[in-house]
N, C-alpha and C. Protein backbone atom coordinates (compact mmCIF):
# COMPACT_ATOMS: atom_id res chain seq x y z
N UNK A 1 0.82 -1.19 0.00
CA UNK A 1 0.00 0.00 0.00
C UNK A 1 0.87 1.26 0.00
N UNK A 2 2.09 1.15 0.52
CA UNK A 2 2.99 2.30 0.55
C UNK A 2 3.34 2.76 -0.86
N UNK A 3 3.40 1.84 -1.80
CA UNK A 3 3.73 2.21 -3.17
C UNK A 3 2.65 3.09 -3.77
N UNK A 4 1.39 2.80 -3.42
CA UNK A 4 0.31 3.64 -3.90
C UNK A 4 0.38 5.03 -3.27
N UNK A 5 0.80 5.10 -2.01
CA UNK A 5 0.98 6.39 -1.36
C UNK A 5 2.10 7.17 -2.03
N UNK A 6 3.17 6.48 -2.42
CA UNK A 6 4.28 7.13 -3.12
C UNK A 6 3.80 7.67 -4.48
N UNK A 7 3.01 6.87 -5.19
CA UNK A 7 2.48 7.31 -6.48
C UNK A 7 1.57 8.52 -6.31
N UNK A 8 0.75 8.51 -5.25
CA UNK A 8 -0.13 9.65 -4.99
C UNK A 8 0.69 10.90 -4.67
N UNK A 9 1.76 10.74 -3.90
CA UNK A 9 2.64 11.87 -3.59
C UNK A 9 3.31 12.39 -4.85
N UNK A 10 3.78 11.49 -5.70
CA UNK A 10 4.42 11.88 -6.95
C UNK A 10 3.44 12.65 -7.83
N UNK A 11 2.21 12.18 -7.92
CA UNK A 11 1.20 12.84 -8.72
C UNK A 11 0.88 14.22 -8.16
N UNK A 12 0.81 14.32 -6.85
CA UNK A 12 0.56 15.61 -6.21
C UNK A 12 1.68 16.59 -6.53
N UNK A 13 2.92 16.12 -6.53
CA UNK A 13 4.04 16.99 -6.87
C UNK A 13 3.94 17.47 -8.31
N UNK A 14 3.49 16.60 -9.21
CA UNK A 14 3.32 17.00 -10.61
C UNK A 14 2.26 18.09 -10.74
N UNK A 15 1.20 17.95 -9.97
CA UNK A 15 0.11 18.92 -10.04
C UNK A 15 0.58 20.27 -9.51
N UNK A 16 1.40 20.26 -8.47
CA UNK A 16 1.82 21.50 -7.81
C UNK A 16 2.91 22.24 -8.56
N UNK A 17 3.56 21.61 -9.53
CA UNK A 17 4.65 22.25 -10.26
C UNK A 17 4.12 23.29 -11.23
N UNK A 18 4.52 24.57 -11.05
CA UNK A 18 4.01 25.60 -11.96
C UNK A 18 4.72 25.56 -13.31
N UNK A 19 3.97 25.85 -14.36
CA UNK A 19 4.54 25.97 -15.71
C UNK A 19 3.83 27.11 -16.43
N UNK A 20 4.40 27.56 -17.51
CA UNK A 20 3.80 28.62 -18.30
C UNK A 20 2.87 28.02 -19.35
N UNK A 21 1.68 28.59 -19.48
CA UNK A 21 0.73 28.13 -20.50
C UNK A 21 1.20 28.64 -21.86
N UNK A 22 1.02 27.82 -22.87
CA UNK A 22 1.40 28.23 -24.21
C UNK A 22 0.55 27.51 -25.23
N UNK A 23 0.39 28.11 -26.37
CA UNK A 23 -0.32 27.48 -27.48
C UNK A 23 0.65 26.58 -28.22
N UNK A 24 0.27 25.35 -28.45
CA UNK A 24 1.15 24.40 -29.13
C UNK A 24 0.45 23.94 -30.39
N UNK A 25 1.03 24.21 -31.55
CA UNK A 25 0.40 23.77 -32.80
C UNK A 25 0.56 22.26 -32.96
N UNK A 26 -0.35 21.62 -33.68
CA UNK A 26 -0.24 20.18 -33.91
C UNK A 26 1.02 19.84 -34.70
N UNK A 27 1.56 18.67 -34.40
CA UNK A 27 2.78 18.22 -35.06
C UNK A 27 2.44 17.15 -36.09
N UNK A 28 3.14 17.16 -37.22
CA UNK A 28 2.92 16.16 -38.25
C UNK A 28 3.81 14.94 -38.07
N UNK A 29 4.80 15.04 -37.19
CA UNK A 29 5.71 13.90 -37.03
C UNK A 29 5.00 12.78 -36.27
N UNK A 30 5.35 11.55 -36.55
CA UNK A 30 4.70 10.42 -35.88
C UNK A 30 5.11 10.35 -34.41
N UNK A 31 4.21 9.86 -33.60
CA UNK A 31 4.46 9.72 -32.17
C UNK A 31 5.43 8.57 -31.91
N UNK A 32 6.16 8.67 -30.80
CA UNK A 32 6.97 7.53 -30.39
C UNK A 32 5.99 6.41 -30.04
N UNK A 33 6.42 5.17 -30.11
CA UNK A 33 5.50 4.07 -29.82
C UNK A 33 4.88 4.17 -28.42
N UNK A 34 5.68 4.59 -27.44
CA UNK A 34 5.17 4.71 -26.07
C UNK A 34 4.10 5.78 -25.97
N UNK A 35 4.38 6.95 -26.56
CA UNK A 35 3.41 8.04 -26.50
C UNK A 35 2.16 7.69 -27.30
N UNK A 36 2.32 7.05 -28.44
CA UNK A 36 1.17 6.64 -29.25
C UNK A 36 0.28 5.66 -28.48
N UNK A 37 0.89 4.72 -27.78
CA UNK A 37 0.13 3.75 -26.99
C UNK A 37 -0.64 4.44 -25.88
N UNK A 38 0.02 5.36 -25.18
CA UNK A 38 -0.63 6.10 -24.10
C UNK A 38 -1.76 6.97 -24.62
N UNK A 39 -1.52 7.63 -25.75
CA UNK A 39 -2.54 8.51 -26.33
C UNK A 39 -3.79 7.72 -26.70
N UNK A 40 -3.61 6.57 -27.31
CA UNK A 40 -4.75 5.74 -27.72
C UNK A 40 -5.58 5.32 -26.51
N UNK A 41 -4.90 4.84 -25.47
CA UNK A 41 -5.60 4.39 -24.26
C UNK A 41 -6.30 5.56 -23.57
N UNK A 42 -5.62 6.70 -23.49
CA UNK A 42 -6.19 7.87 -22.83
C UNK A 42 -7.41 8.39 -23.59
N UNK A 43 -7.32 8.43 -24.92
CA UNK A 43 -8.43 8.92 -25.72
C UNK A 43 -9.66 8.03 -25.58
N UNK A 44 -9.45 6.72 -25.55
CA UNK A 44 -10.58 5.80 -25.37
C UNK A 44 -11.25 6.02 -24.01
N UNK A 45 -10.44 6.15 -22.96
CA UNK A 45 -10.99 6.32 -21.62
C UNK A 45 -11.69 7.67 -21.45
N UNK A 46 -11.07 8.73 -21.94
CA UNK A 46 -11.63 10.07 -21.76
C UNK A 46 -12.87 10.27 -22.62
N UNK A 47 -12.83 9.83 -23.88
CA UNK A 47 -13.98 10.05 -24.76
C UNK A 47 -15.18 9.20 -24.34
N UNK A 48 -14.96 8.11 -23.62
CA UNK A 48 -16.08 7.32 -23.11
C UNK A 48 -16.84 8.11 -22.04
N UNK A 49 -16.13 8.92 -21.28
CA UNK A 49 -16.77 9.72 -20.23
C UNK A 49 -17.23 11.08 -20.75
N UNK A 50 -16.48 11.65 -21.69
CA UNK A 50 -16.79 12.97 -22.24
C UNK A 50 -16.77 12.91 -23.77
N UNK A 51 -17.91 12.63 -24.40
CA UNK A 51 -17.95 12.46 -25.86
C UNK A 51 -17.56 13.72 -26.64
N UNK A 52 -17.54 14.88 -26.00
CA UNK A 52 -17.13 16.11 -26.69
C UNK A 52 -15.67 16.10 -27.07
N UNK A 53 -14.88 15.28 -26.41
CA UNK A 53 -13.44 15.24 -26.67
C UNK A 53 -13.20 14.45 -27.95
N UNK A 54 -12.64 15.14 -28.94
CA UNK A 54 -12.44 14.55 -30.26
C UNK A 54 -11.04 13.98 -30.45
N UNK A 55 -10.06 14.57 -29.77
CA UNK A 55 -8.67 14.15 -29.97
C UNK A 55 -7.85 14.64 -28.78
N UNK A 56 -6.67 14.08 -28.65
CA UNK A 56 -5.72 14.51 -27.64
C UNK A 56 -4.43 14.84 -28.36
N UNK A 57 -3.91 16.03 -28.10
CA UNK A 57 -2.59 16.40 -28.64
C UNK A 57 -1.60 16.35 -27.49
N UNK A 58 -0.55 15.58 -27.66
CA UNK A 58 0.51 15.49 -26.65
C UNK A 58 1.75 16.15 -27.21
N UNK A 59 2.28 17.11 -26.47
CA UNK A 59 3.47 17.84 -26.88
C UNK A 59 4.69 16.93 -26.72
N UNK A 60 5.07 16.27 -27.80
CA UNK A 60 6.19 15.32 -27.75
C UNK A 60 7.53 15.99 -27.53
N UNK A 61 7.68 17.22 -28.04
CA UNK A 61 8.96 17.91 -27.89
C UNK A 61 9.30 18.18 -26.43
N UNK A 62 8.27 18.40 -25.61
CA UNK A 62 8.50 18.66 -24.19
C UNK A 62 8.24 17.44 -23.32
N UNK A 63 7.97 16.30 -23.93
CA UNK A 63 7.63 15.10 -23.17
C UNK A 63 8.87 14.44 -22.56
N UNK A 64 8.65 13.80 -21.44
CA UNK A 64 9.70 13.00 -20.80
C UNK A 64 9.24 11.55 -20.85
N UNK A 65 10.06 10.70 -21.45
CA UNK A 65 9.80 9.26 -21.45
C UNK A 65 10.94 8.63 -20.66
N UNK A 66 10.63 8.21 -19.45
CA UNK A 66 11.66 7.69 -18.55
C UNK A 66 11.57 6.17 -18.45
N UNK A 67 12.72 5.53 -18.46
CA UNK A 67 12.78 4.08 -18.25
C UNK A 67 12.70 3.85 -16.75
N UNK A 68 11.92 2.86 -16.36
CA UNK A 68 11.69 2.61 -14.94
C UNK A 68 11.90 1.14 -14.62
N UNK A 69 12.37 0.88 -13.43
CA UNK A 69 12.46 -0.48 -12.92
C UNK A 69 11.61 -0.62 -11.66
N UNK A 70 10.66 0.31 -11.49
CA UNK A 70 9.81 0.32 -10.31
C UNK A 70 8.70 -0.72 -10.44
N UNK A 71 8.06 -0.98 -9.32
CA UNK A 71 6.91 -1.87 -9.30
C UNK A 71 5.83 -1.23 -8.45
N UNK A 72 4.59 -1.45 -8.84
CA UNK A 72 3.45 -1.10 -8.02
C UNK A 72 2.88 -2.42 -7.55
N UNK A 73 3.06 -2.68 -6.28
CA UNK A 73 2.78 -4.00 -5.73
C UNK A 73 3.70 -4.99 -6.44
N UNK A 74 3.16 -5.88 -7.26
CA UNK A 74 4.00 -6.83 -7.99
C UNK A 74 4.02 -6.53 -9.49
N UNK A 75 3.40 -5.43 -9.89
CA UNK A 75 3.28 -5.09 -11.31
C UNK A 75 4.45 -4.20 -11.73
N UNK A 76 5.28 -4.65 -12.65
CA UNK A 76 6.41 -3.83 -13.10
C UNK A 76 5.95 -2.62 -13.91
N UNK A 77 6.59 -1.49 -13.66
CA UNK A 77 6.37 -0.26 -14.44
C UNK A 77 7.65 -0.06 -15.24
N UNK A 78 7.56 -0.16 -16.57
CA UNK A 78 8.75 -0.09 -17.41
C UNK A 78 9.02 1.30 -17.97
N UNK A 79 7.97 2.12 -18.14
CA UNK A 79 8.12 3.47 -18.67
C UNK A 79 7.19 4.42 -17.93
N UNK A 80 7.67 5.63 -17.71
CA UNK A 80 6.85 6.70 -17.14
C UNK A 80 6.90 7.85 -18.14
N UNK A 81 5.73 8.29 -18.59
CA UNK A 81 5.66 9.36 -19.58
C UNK A 81 4.96 10.56 -18.95
N UNK A 82 5.63 11.71 -19.03
CA UNK A 82 5.06 12.95 -18.52
C UNK A 82 5.12 13.97 -19.65
N UNK A 83 4.02 14.66 -19.88
CA UNK A 83 3.97 15.62 -20.98
C UNK A 83 2.85 16.62 -20.76
N UNK A 84 2.83 17.62 -21.60
CA UNK A 84 1.73 18.56 -21.65
C UNK A 84 0.77 18.04 -22.71
N UNK A 85 -0.51 18.09 -22.39
CA UNK A 85 -1.51 17.56 -23.32
C UNK A 85 -2.67 18.54 -23.46
N UNK A 86 -3.31 18.47 -24.61
CA UNK A 86 -4.48 19.29 -24.89
C UNK A 86 -5.61 18.36 -25.28
N UNK A 87 -6.74 18.47 -24.59
CA UNK A 87 -7.92 17.70 -24.93
C UNK A 87 -8.71 18.51 -25.94
N UNK A 88 -8.83 18.02 -27.15
CA UNK A 88 -9.47 18.78 -28.24
C UNK A 88 -10.98 18.56 -28.21
N UNK A 89 -11.66 19.66 -28.03
CA UNK A 89 -13.12 19.64 -28.05
C UNK A 89 -13.59 20.69 -29.04
N UNK A 90 -14.89 20.86 -29.13
CA UNK A 90 -15.43 21.92 -29.98
C UNK A 90 -15.20 23.28 -29.34
N UNK A 91 -14.93 23.28 -28.05
CA UNK A 91 -14.62 24.51 -27.34
C UNK A 91 -13.11 24.74 -27.35
N UNK A 92 -12.63 25.72 -26.61
CA UNK A 92 -11.20 26.01 -26.59
C UNK A 92 -10.42 24.91 -25.86
N UNK A 93 -9.21 24.67 -26.31
CA UNK A 93 -8.34 23.68 -25.68
C UNK A 93 -7.68 24.30 -24.46
N UNK A 94 -7.51 23.51 -23.42
CA UNK A 94 -6.84 23.96 -22.21
C UNK A 94 -5.65 23.04 -21.97
N UNK A 95 -4.50 23.60 -21.66
CA UNK A 95 -3.34 22.74 -21.41
C UNK A 95 -3.52 21.95 -20.12
N UNK A 96 -3.07 20.72 -20.13
CA UNK A 96 -3.15 19.83 -18.97
C UNK A 96 -1.85 19.06 -18.84
N UNK A 97 -1.57 18.61 -17.65
CA UNK A 97 -0.45 17.70 -17.42
C UNK A 97 -0.94 16.30 -17.74
N UNK A 98 -0.08 15.50 -18.33
CA UNK A 98 -0.43 14.13 -18.70
C UNK A 98 0.61 13.19 -18.11
N UNK A 99 0.13 12.13 -17.47
CA UNK A 99 1.00 11.11 -16.90
C UNK A 99 0.51 9.76 -17.39
N UNK A 100 1.44 8.93 -17.82
CA UNK A 100 1.09 7.60 -18.29
C UNK A 100 2.14 6.62 -17.77
N UNK A 101 1.67 5.52 -17.22
CA UNK A 101 2.56 4.46 -16.76
C UNK A 101 2.37 3.25 -17.67
N UNK A 102 3.48 2.72 -18.17
CA UNK A 102 3.45 1.54 -19.02
C UNK A 102 4.10 0.37 -18.29
N UNK A 103 3.53 -0.80 -18.50
CA UNK A 103 4.09 -2.02 -17.93
C UNK A 103 4.77 -2.85 -18.99
N UNK A 104 4.90 -4.11 -18.69
CA UNK A 104 5.54 -5.03 -19.63
C UNK A 104 4.76 -5.07 -20.94
N UNK A 105 5.49 -5.25 -22.03
CA UNK A 105 4.92 -5.30 -23.39
C UNK A 105 4.10 -4.06 -23.73
N UNK A 106 4.53 -2.90 -23.20
CA UNK A 106 3.87 -1.61 -23.43
C UNK A 106 2.39 -1.61 -23.07
N UNK A 107 2.01 -2.36 -22.05
CA UNK A 107 0.64 -2.36 -21.56
C UNK A 107 0.43 -1.10 -20.72
N UNK A 108 -0.63 -0.34 -21.04
CA UNK A 108 -0.93 0.88 -20.31
C UNK A 108 -1.51 0.52 -18.94
N UNK A 109 -0.83 0.97 -17.89
CA UNK A 109 -1.29 0.72 -16.53
C UNK A 109 -2.13 1.87 -16.00
N UNK A 110 -1.79 3.10 -16.41
CA UNK A 110 -2.48 4.28 -15.90
C UNK A 110 -2.29 5.45 -16.86
N UNK A 111 -3.37 6.17 -17.14
CA UNK A 111 -3.27 7.47 -17.80
C UNK A 111 -3.97 8.46 -16.89
N UNK A 112 -3.40 9.65 -16.79
CA UNK A 112 -3.91 10.61 -15.82
C UNK A 112 -3.71 12.02 -16.36
N UNK A 113 -4.77 12.83 -16.30
CA UNK A 113 -4.72 14.22 -16.72
C UNK A 113 -4.99 15.10 -15.51
N UNK A 114 -4.29 16.23 -15.44
CA UNK A 114 -4.61 17.23 -14.43
C UNK A 114 -4.82 18.55 -15.13
N UNK A 115 -5.74 19.35 -14.62
CA UNK A 115 -5.88 20.70 -15.15
C UNK A 115 -5.00 21.61 -14.29
N UNK A 116 -4.63 22.72 -14.85
CA UNK A 116 -3.75 23.62 -14.09
C UNK A 116 -4.54 24.60 -13.29
């Protein structure tokens, strides 16, 4: 259970970190496999709850893809992805923090968005 407390603390630190808001134009370059996997899983989960969301743009240039040897309970976490993301709706886009944890064989364990 302590590992979940550590993850909650880590997430809280991510939320509390100030950054400057900026407009990010869409990129034509293909996503890294890790970011593409996270984006697909996040879009499915978010659009199921909020059908107004049409797409997710993840700022790959500012993204961090970290290799991990951590475990949550007995589940290995192989990659941690942190980036700025925009949930595309018919209304204006708002920048959000994006966190994604990947396990073995690039299985998405968690996707998480925070608003600023």
